Amino acid sequence: MNTIEDAGNLPDDRLLTSQEAARYLGVSRQTVYSLHNAGHFPAVEISPGRTNWRLSDLRDYIGTRTRRVRTG
């Protein structure tokens, strides 16, 4: 995944690396871990010391953080 736009074409069950998750959310890798530790979304432990993030969980998180703005 090179850009956020690329994520729109990926399946929900796609696992993202910490770097990809950070790019998708527009935050640092440290913030991804901080958000996870605060309970905002789960992690998938691939092996000891290797954590990935399910795209559907990140999409759900963004959905809870998005507000609609009224116009007019």
Protein backbone atom coordinates (compact mmCIF):
# COMPACT_ATOMS: atom_id res chain seq x y z
CA MET A 1 0.00 0.00 0.00
CA ASN A 2 1.69 3.17 -1.19
CA THR A 3 -1.03 5.71 -0.54
CA ILE A 4 -4.20 6.06 1.48
CA GLU A 5 -6.15 5.85 -1.78
CA ASP A 6 -4.74 2.35 -2.35
CA ALA A 7 -6.52 1.14 0.82
CA GLY A 8 -9.90 1.62 -0.84
CA ASN A 9 -9.14 -1.29 -3.15
CA LEU A 10 -7.98 -3.65 -0.40
CA PRO A 11 -10.16 -6.27 1.31
CA ASP A 12 -11.30 -5.56 4.87
CA ASP A 13 -9.37 -8.55 6.22
CA ARG A 14 -6.04 -7.28 4.88
CA LEU A 15 -3.38 -7.02 7.58
CA LEU A 16 -1.30 -3.86 7.59
CA THR A 17 2.14 -3.35 9.06
CA SER A 18 2.57 -0.64 11.67
CA GLN A 19 4.04 1.64 9.03
CA GLU A 20 1.11 1.04 6.66
CA ALA A 21 -1.42 1.53 9.48
CA ALA A 22 0.25 4.80 10.45
CA ARG A 23 0.19 6.01 6.86
CA TYR A 24 -3.48 5.00 6.49
CA LEU A 25 -4.48 6.83 9.69
CA GLY A 26 -2.21 9.81 9.00
CA VAL A 27 -0.35 9.43 12.29
CA SER A 28 3.02 8.17 13.52
CA ARG A 29 3.75 4.51 14.26
CA GLN A 30 3.96 5.42 17.95
CA THR A 31 0.46 6.88 17.78
CA VAL A 32 -0.86 3.64 16.25
CA TYR A 33 0.47 1.78 19.29
CA SER A 34 -0.88 4.44 21.66
CA LEU A 35 -4.34 4.23 20.09
CA HIS A 36 -4.23 0.44 20.35
CA ASN A 37 -3.09 0.57 23.99
CA ALA A 38 -5.96 2.97 24.73
CA GLY A 39 -8.40 0.36 23.39
CA HIS A 40 -9.42 2.07 20.14
CA PHE A 41 -8.73 -0.99 17.98
CA PRO A 42 -7.23 -4.46 18.40
CA ALA A 43 -3.91 -5.73 17.11
CA VAL A 44 -3.08 -9.02 15.44
CA GLU A 45 0.11 -10.55 16.83
CA ILE A 46 1.75 -12.40 13.96
CA SER A 47 4.66 -13.63 16.08
CA PRO A 48 6.42 -12.40 19.22
CA GLY A 49 7.42 -8.81 18.56
CA ARG A 50 5.54 -8.57 15.26
CA THR A 51 2.16 -6.85 15.31
CA ASN A 52 -0.14 -6.12 12.43
CA TRP A 53 -3.44 -4.28 12.16
CA ARG A 54 -6.62 -5.40 10.39
CA LEU A 55 -7.78 -2.83 7.83
CA SER A 56 -11.43 -3.29 8.83
CA ASP A 57 -10.59 -2.35 12.43
CA LEU A 58 -8.85 0.82 11.27
CA ARG A 59 -11.79 1.68 9.01
CA ASP A 60 -14.18 1.18 11.95
CA TYR A 61 -12.01 3.44 14.10
CA ILE A 62 -12.05 6.17 11.46
CA GLY A 63 -15.83 5.79 11.19
CA THR A 64 -16.24 6.46 14.90
CA ARG A 65 -14.02 9.54 14.67
CA THR A 66 -15.68 11.12 11.62
CA ARG A 67 -18.30 13.80 12.12
CA ARG A 68 -20.59 15.19 9.48
CA VAL A 69 -20.66 18.93 9.04
CA ARG A 70 -23.93 20.63 8.24
CA THR A 71 -23.93 23.19 5.48
CA GLY A 72 -26.48 25.89 4.89
